[in-house]
Structures are given as structure tokens and as C-alpha cells.
Protein backbone atom coordinates (compact mmCIF):
# COMPACT_ATOMS: atom_id res chain seq x y z
CA MET A 1 49.59 -10.49 -2.90
CA ALA A 2 47.15 -8.62 -5.04
CA GLU A 3 47.24 -9.28 -8.74
CA LYS A 4 48.13 -6.36 -10.96
CA THR A 5 45.39 -5.45 -13.40
CA LYS A 6 45.93 -3.83 -16.78
CA LYS A 7 44.60 -0.28 -16.93
CA THR A 8 42.13 0.46 -19.70
CA SER A 9 42.64 3.54 -21.85
CA PRO A 10 39.75 6.03 -21.97
CA ALA A 11 39.12 5.30 -25.67
CA GLU A 12 38.98 1.55 -25.04
CA PHE A 13 36.63 2.14 -22.11
CA VAL A 14 34.26 4.18 -24.29
CA ASN A 15 34.31 1.44 -26.93
CA GLN A 16 33.49 -1.20 -24.28
CA VAL A 17 30.62 0.93 -22.97
CA ARG A 18 29.20 1.33 -26.48
CA ALA A 19 29.48 -2.41 -27.10
CA GLU A 20 27.66 -3.25 -23.85
CA THR A 21 25.00 -0.58 -24.44
CA SER A 22 24.22 -2.04 -27.85
CA LYS A 23 23.39 -5.38 -26.14
CA VAL A 24 20.69 -3.78 -23.97
CA VAL A 25 17.11 -4.67 -24.90
CA TRP A 26 15.18 -1.45 -24.35
CA PRO A 27 11.50 -1.70 -23.35
CA THR A 28 8.83 -0.58 -25.78
CA ARG A 29 6.60 2.40 -25.04
CA GLN A 30 3.70 0.03 -24.25
CA GLU A 31 5.83 -1.94 -21.75
CA THR A 32 6.97 1.27 -20.09
CA VAL A 33 3.41 2.61 -19.76
CA ARG A 34 2.14 -0.75 -18.43
CA THR A 35 4.94 -0.87 -15.85
CA ALA A 36 4.32 2.74 -14.78
CA ILE A 37 0.60 2.04 -14.29
CA PHE A 38 1.41 -1.08 -12.25
CA VAL A 39 3.81 0.89 -10.04
CA PHE A 40 1.21 3.64 -9.53
CA ILE A 41 -1.45 1.09 -8.51
CA MET A 42 0.94 -0.63 -6.09
CA VAL A 43 1.88 2.73 -4.53
CA ILE A 44 -1.82 3.50 -3.95
CA ILE A 45 -2.49 0.05 -2.44
CA LEU A 46 0.54 0.19 -0.15
CA SER A 47 -0.26 3.78 0.88
CA VAL A 48 -3.76 2.75 1.97
CA PHE A 49 -2.36 -0.33 3.75
CA PHE A 50 0.20 1.66 5.73
CA LEU A 51 -2.36 4.36 6.50
CA GLY A 52 -4.55 1.63 8.03
CA ILE A 53 -1.68 0.12 10.02
CA ASP A 54 -0.58 3.56 11.25
CA SER A 55 -4.14 4.45 12.27
CA LEU A 56 -4.53 1.13 14.09
CA PHE A 57 -1.29 1.57 16.03
CA GLY A 58 -2.19 5.19 16.78
CA ALA A 59 -5.53 4.11 18.21
CA VAL A 60 -3.89 1.35 20.30
CA VAL A 61 -1.31 3.78 21.69
CA ALA A 62 -4.00 6.35 22.48
CA TRP A 63 -6.04 3.68 24.25
CA LEU A 64 -2.99 2.51 26.23
CA LEU A 65 -2.28 6.09 27.31
CA THR A 66 -5.81 6.44 28.68
CA LEU A 67 -5.20 3.49 30.99
CA GLY A 68 -2.46 5.31 32.86
């Protein structure tokens, strides 16, 4: 059988959320900017990669269709 759990009151829940939020280590502005730049660079690299793959497959499919 399932165990019965004690329900938490809304006030106790808010207090628990505040306690957990105070434990969070927030990133500095420099860390946030550095991470955003890294993500932007990775998006550009992956976009170019997938553009190349898509173009390659498109060319292969077009070539295969000319054989028929």
C-alpha cells in the first residue's frame, strides 16, 4: 500500500522555497556573458555544420533522382 505523506501548508512551502533559493549560487555577470558568447559560437558552428550536411544529402538525392 502507498504510504501516506504529510501535506505541507502553503506558508511552510514558501519558507522551504526561500530556504532553498538562498542556497543557490548565482553566476556573476562575467560568467553569464562568457556562457552566452560560448552558446552563440556553438550555435553558429552547428548551423554551418548542419547546412553542409543538408546540402550534401540534397545533392546526393538530386543525383539519385537523375539516375531514374
